[in-house]
Amino acid sequence: MEFAEEELTRLQVQGQMLTTGMGGVLPEQPDPAIFRRVLDVGCGTGGWLIEAAKTYPSMTLLVGVDVSKRMVEYARSRAEAEQLSERVQFQTMDARWHPRGRTLL
């Protein structure tokens, strides 16, 4: 499935509204700053991971994976625009499949 730029922007805004409505990034954690590495499976447009990087500078490596190449490209461009691409990385992959061809789920 390909996504138009307008749809990616809409998804980004929707994700931001959901994160804000839920209390921000990792609101259930007493001290989210203790996390150094974060993996976001099904990261979509990358908004949550980018917000986590901005909110918690102590997080040194944040990796997002998504099956959609277009969403990953969008997420990468946003991380670069926010000057976070040194800490925030995005990869295209199907989390249901093991790299050696075995099904994980």
N, C-alpha and C. Protein backbone atom coordinates (compact mmCIF):
# COMPACT_ATOMS: atom_id res chain seq x y z
N MET A 1 0.83 -1.17 0.00
CA MET A 1 0.00 0.00 0.00
C MET A 1 0.89 1.25 0.00
N GLU A 2 0.65 2.11 -0.93
CA GLU A 2 1.39 3.36 -1.00
C GLU A 2 0.58 4.46 -0.32
N PHE A 3 1.27 5.40 0.27
CA PHE A 3 0.62 6.49 0.97
C PHE A 3 1.01 7.81 0.34
N ALA A 4 0.03 8.67 0.10
CA ALA A 4 0.29 10.02 -0.38
C ALA A 4 0.83 10.85 0.78
N GLU A 5 1.53 11.91 0.47
CA GLU A 5 2.11 12.78 1.49
C GLU A 5 1.04 13.30 2.46
N GLU A 6 -0.12 13.64 1.94
CA GLU A 6 -1.20 14.15 2.79
C GLU A 6 -1.65 13.09 3.80
N GLU A 7 -1.70 11.84 3.38
CA GLU A 7 -2.11 10.76 4.28
C GLU A 7 -1.05 10.52 5.34
N LEU A 8 0.22 10.59 4.98
CA LEU A 8 1.29 10.42 5.95
C LEU A 8 1.24 11.54 7.00
N THR A 9 0.99 12.75 6.54
CA THR A 9 0.86 13.88 7.47
C THR A 9 -0.33 13.68 8.39
N ARG A 10 -1.45 13.22 7.84
CA ARG A 10 -2.64 12.96 8.65
C ARG A 10 -2.36 11.90 9.72
N LEU A 11 -1.67 10.83 9.32
CA LEU A 11 -1.32 9.78 10.27
C LEU A 11 -0.39 10.30 11.36
N GLN A 12 0.53 11.16 10.97
CA GLN A 12 1.46 11.76 11.93
C GLN A 12 0.70 12.59 12.97
N VAL A 13 -0.21 13.43 12.51
CA VAL A 13 -1.00 14.27 13.41
C VAL A 13 -1.88 13.40 14.31
N GLN A 14 -2.48 12.37 13.74
CA GLN A 14 -3.31 11.46 14.52
C GLN A 14 -2.50 10.79 15.63
N GLY A 15 -1.31 10.32 15.30
CA GLY A 15 -0.44 9.70 16.29
C GLY A 15 -0.05 10.66 17.39
N GLN A 16 0.23 11.90 17.01
CA GLN A 16 0.60 12.92 17.99
C GLN A 16 -0.57 13.20 18.95
N MET A 17 -1.77 13.26 18.40
CA MET A 17 -2.95 13.48 19.24
C MET A 17 -3.17 12.32 20.21
N LEU A 18 -2.98 11.09 19.74
CA LEU A 18 -3.13 9.93 20.61
C LEU A 18 -2.10 9.91 21.72
N THR A 19 -0.84 10.20 21.37
CA THR A 19 0.22 10.22 22.38
C THR A 19 -0.06 11.28 23.43
N THR A 20 -0.46 12.47 23.00
CA THR A 20 -0.79 13.54 23.93
C THR A 20 -1.97 13.15 24.81
N GLY A 21 -2.99 12.58 24.20
CA GLY A 21 -4.17 12.17 24.95
C GLY A 21 -3.91 11.08 25.98
N MET A 22 -2.87 10.29 25.74
CA MET A 22 -2.53 9.21 26.67
C MET A 22 -1.54 9.67 27.73
N GLY A 23 -1.18 10.95 27.71
CA GLY A 23 -0.29 11.47 28.74
C GLY A 23 1.14 11.64 28.30
N GLY A 24 1.41 11.55 27.01
CA GLY A 24 2.77 11.72 26.50
C GLY A 24 3.47 10.40 26.27
N VAL A 25 4.77 10.48 26.11
CA VAL A 25 5.60 9.30 25.85
C VAL A 25 5.90 8.57 27.16
N LEU A 26 5.56 7.30 27.22
CA LEU A 26 5.82 6.43 28.37
C LEU A 26 5.27 6.98 29.70
N PRO A 27 4.00 7.40 29.73
CA PRO A 27 3.46 7.98 30.97
C PRO A 27 3.33 6.97 32.10
N GLU A 28 3.29 5.69 31.76
CA GLU A 28 3.13 4.66 32.79
C GLU A 28 4.44 4.32 33.51
N GLN A 29 5.53 4.83 33.00
CA GLN A 29 6.84 4.53 33.60
C GLN A 29 7.20 5.57 34.65
N PRO A 30 7.64 5.14 35.83
CA PRO A 30 8.01 6.11 36.86
C PRO A 30 9.23 6.95 36.48
N ASP A 31 10.17 6.37 35.73
CA ASP A 31 11.37 7.10 35.32
C ASP A 31 11.82 6.64 33.93
N PRO A 32 11.15 7.13 32.88
CA PRO A 32 11.50 6.70 31.52
C PRO A 32 12.93 7.02 31.11
N ALA A 33 13.56 7.95 31.80
CA ALA A 33 14.93 8.34 31.46
C ALA A 33 15.93 7.21 31.70
N ILE A 34 15.53 6.16 32.41
CA ILE A 34 16.45 5.04 32.65
C ILE A 34 16.67 4.20 31.39
N PHE A 35 15.73 4.31 30.43
CA PHE A 35 15.86 3.52 29.20
C PHE A 35 16.89 4.15 28.28
N ARG A 36 17.84 3.36 27.83
CA ARG A 36 18.88 3.85 26.92
C ARG A 36 18.57 3.47 25.47
N ARG A 37 17.95 2.30 25.29
CA ARG A 37 17.61 1.82 23.95
C ARG A 37 16.12 1.50 23.89
N VAL A 38 15.52 1.86 22.75
CA VAL A 38 14.08 1.67 22.58
C VAL A 38 13.83 1.07 21.20
N LEU A 39 12.94 0.07 21.15
CA LEU A 39 12.52 -0.53 19.89
C LEU A 39 11.03 -0.30 19.74
N ASP A 40 10.63 0.28 18.61
CA ASP A 40 9.22 0.52 18.31
C ASP A 40 8.85 -0.33 17.10
N VAL A 41 8.10 -1.42 17.34
CA VAL A 41 7.69 -2.33 16.27
C VAL A 41 6.35 -1.84 15.72
N GLY A 42 6.31 -1.62 14.42
CA GLY A 42 5.11 -1.04 13.80
C GLY A 42 5.10 0.46 14.01
N CYS A 43 6.24 1.09 13.78
CA CYS A 43 6.45 2.51 14.12
C CYS A 43 5.69 3.48 13.22
N GLY A 44 5.17 3.02 12.10
CA GLY A 44 4.43 3.91 11.21
C GLY A 44 5.26 5.10 10.78
N THR A 45 4.73 6.30 11.00
CA THR A 45 5.42 7.52 10.55
C THR A 45 6.53 7.96 11.50
N GLY A 46 6.75 7.22 12.58
CA GLY A 46 7.87 7.48 13.47
C GLY A 46 7.65 8.55 14.51
N GLY A 47 6.46 9.10 14.58
CA GLY A 47 6.20 10.21 15.49
C GLY A 47 6.47 9.90 16.95
N TRP A 48 6.01 8.73 17.42
CA TRP A 48 6.21 8.39 18.83
C TRP A 48 7.69 8.28 19.17
N LEU A 49 8.45 7.64 18.29
CA LEU A 49 9.88 7.45 18.55
C LEU A 49 10.63 8.77 18.52
N ILE A 50 10.28 9.63 17.58
CA ILE A 50 10.91 10.96 17.51
C ILE A 50 10.57 11.77 18.75
N GLU A 51 9.33 11.71 19.19
CA GLU A 51 8.93 12.42 20.40
C GLU A 51 9.67 11.87 21.62
N ALA A 52 9.85 10.56 21.68
CA ALA A 52 10.61 9.95 22.78
C ALA A 52 12.04 10.47 22.78
N ALA A 53 12.65 10.57 21.62
CA ALA A 53 14.04 11.07 21.53
C ALA A 53 14.13 12.52 21.97
N LYS A 54 13.15 13.32 21.61
CA LYS A 54 13.15 14.74 22.00
C LYS A 54 12.87 14.90 23.49
N THR A 55 12.00 14.07 24.03
CA THR A 55 11.61 14.17 25.43
C THR A 55 12.70 13.64 26.36
N TYR A 56 13.38 12.59 25.93
CA TYR A 56 14.38 11.93 26.78
C TYR A 56 15.73 11.88 26.06
N PRO A 57 16.52 12.93 26.16
CA PRO A 57 17.83 12.96 25.49
C PRO A 57 18.78 11.86 25.98
N SER A 58 18.49 11.26 27.14
CA SER A 58 19.35 10.19 27.66
C SER A 58 19.18 8.89 26.88
N MET A 59 18.12 8.79 26.09
CA MET A 59 17.94 7.61 25.23
C MET A 59 18.94 7.72 24.09
N THR A 60 19.85 6.74 24.01
CA THR A 60 20.94 6.85 23.04
C THR A 60 20.67 6.18 21.70
N LEU A 61 19.80 5.18 21.68
CA LEU A 61 19.47 4.51 20.43
C LEU A 61 18.00 4.17 20.40
N LEU A 62 17.30 4.71 19.43
CA LEU A 62 15.88 4.46 19.26
C LEU A 62 15.69 3.92 17.86
N VAL A 63 15.13 2.72 17.75
CA VAL A 63 14.98 2.05 16.47
C VAL A 63 13.50 1.77 16.22
N GLY A 64 13.04 2.16 15.04
CA GLY A 64 11.68 1.88 14.64
C GLY A 64 11.67 0.97 13.42
N VAL A 65 10.76 0.00 13.40
CA VAL A 65 10.62 -0.87 12.24
C VAL A 65 9.15 -0.86 11.80
N ASP A 66 8.97 -0.92 10.50
CA ASP A 66 7.63 -0.97 9.93
C ASP A 66 7.70 -1.70 8.61
N VAL A 67 6.61 -2.33 8.22
CA VAL A 67 6.55 -3.08 6.97
C VAL A 67 6.44 -2.14 5.76
N SER A 68 5.99 -0.91 6.00
CA SER A 68 5.78 0.05 4.91
C SER A 68 7.04 0.85 4.61
N LYS A 69 7.61 0.64 3.44
CA LYS A 69 8.81 1.37 3.04
C LYS A 69 8.55 2.87 2.99
N ARG A 70 7.38 3.24 2.52
CA ARG A 70 7.05 4.67 2.41
C ARG A 70 6.95 5.33 3.78
N MET A 71 6.36 4.64 4.74
CA MET A 71 6.29 5.20 6.09
C MET A 71 7.68 5.34 6.71
N VAL A 72 8.52 4.36 6.48
CA VAL A 72 9.89 4.42 7.01
C VAL A 72 10.65 5.57 6.37
N GLU A 73 10.49 5.77 5.08
CA GLU A 73 11.14 6.91 4.41
C GLU A 73 10.66 8.23 5.02
N TYR A 74 9.36 8.33 5.25
CA TYR A 74 8.78 9.54 5.86
C TYR A 74 9.36 9.75 7.26
N ALA A 75 9.42 8.68 8.05
CA ALA A 75 9.96 8.75 9.41
C ALA A 75 11.43 9.18 9.39
N ARG A 76 12.20 8.62 8.49
CA ARG A 76 13.62 9.01 8.38
C ARG A 76 13.76 10.49 8.06
N SER A 77 12.95 10.97 7.12
CA SER A 77 13.05 12.38 6.74
C SER A 77 12.67 13.29 7.91
N ARG A 78 11.70 12.87 8.71
CA ARG A 78 11.33 13.66 9.90
C ARG A 78 12.44 13.66 10.94
N ALA A 79 13.08 12.50 11.14
CA ALA A 79 14.18 12.42 12.10
C ALA A 79 15.34 13.31 11.65
N GLU A 80 15.61 13.31 10.36
CA GLU A 80 16.67 14.18 9.84
C GLU A 80 16.30 15.65 10.02
N ALA A 81 15.06 16.01 9.73
CA ALA A 81 14.61 17.39 9.87
C ALA A 81 14.70 17.86 11.32
N GLU A 82 14.48 16.95 12.26
CA GLU A 82 14.56 17.27 13.69
C GLU A 82 15.99 17.13 14.23
N GLN A 83 16.92 16.79 13.35
CA GLN A 83 18.33 16.58 13.70
C GLN A 83 18.49 15.49 14.77
N LEU A 84 17.75 14.41 14.58
CA LEU A 84 17.80 13.28 15.51
C LEU A 84 18.30 12.00 14.87
N SER A 85 18.68 12.05 13.60
CA SER A 85 19.02 10.82 12.88
C SER A 85 20.26 10.11 13.42
N GLU A 86 21.05 10.77 14.26
CA GLU A 86 22.18 10.08 14.89
C GLU A 86 21.70 9.07 15.93
N ARG A 87 20.58 9.37 16.57
CA ARG A 87 20.04 8.50 17.63
C ARG A 87 18.83 7.71 17.20
N VAL A 88 18.09 8.21 16.23
CA VAL A 88 16.83 7.58 15.82
C VAL A 88 17.01 6.95 14.44
N GLN A 89 16.75 5.66 14.35
CA GLN A 89 16.92 4.92 13.10
C GLN A 89 15.61 4.22 12.76
N PHE A 90 15.36 4.07 11.46
CA PHE A 90 14.17 3.39 11.00
C PHE A 90 14.55 2.35 9.96
N GLN A 91 13.94 1.17 10.06
CA GLN A 91 14.22 0.08 9.14
C GLN A 91 12.90 -0.50 8.61
N THR A 92 12.91 -0.88 7.34
CA THR A 92 11.76 -1.55 6.75
C THR A 92 11.91 -3.04 6.98
N MET A 93 10.92 -3.63 7.64
CA MET A 93 10.91 -5.07 7.84
C MET A 93 9.54 -5.51 8.30
N ASP A 94 9.26 -6.77 8.08
CA ASP A 94 8.03 -7.38 8.56
C ASP A 94 8.37 -8.09 9.86
N ALA A 95 7.87 -7.58 10.96
CA ALA A 95 8.21 -8.13 12.27
C ALA A 95 7.72 -9.55 12.48
N ARG A 96 6.85 -10.03 11.60
CA ARG A 96 6.35 -11.40 11.73
C ARG A 96 7.32 -12.43 11.19
N TRP A 97 8.36 -11.98 10.50
CA TRP A 97 9.28 -12.92 9.83
C TRP A 97 10.68 -12.80 10.38
N HIS A 98 11.31 -13.91 10.61
CA HIS A 98 12.70 -13.97 11.04
C HIS A 98 13.59 -13.74 9.82
N PRO A 99 14.72 -13.06 9.98
CA PRO A 99 15.59 -12.81 8.83
C PRO A 99 16.04 -14.07 8.06
N ARG A 100 16.02 -15.21 8.72
CA ARG A 100 16.42 -16.44 8.05
C ARG A 100 15.24 -17.16 7.41
N GLY A 101 14.10 -16.44 7.30
CA GLY A 101 12.96 -16.99 6.61
C GLY A 101 11.95 -17.74 7.45
N ARG A 102 12.16 -17.81 8.74
CA ARG A 102 11.21 -18.50 9.61
C ARG A 102 10.14 -17.53 10.11
N THR A 103 8.95 -18.02 10.27
CA THR A 103 7.84 -17.21 10.78
C THR A 103 8.01 -17.06 12.29
N LEU A 104 7.91 -15.83 12.78
CA LEU A 104 8.00 -15.58 14.22
C LEU A 104 6.63 -15.68 14.88
N LEU A 105 5.58 -15.31 14.18
CA LEU A 105 4.24 -15.34 14.77
C LEU A 105 3.38 -16.38 14.07
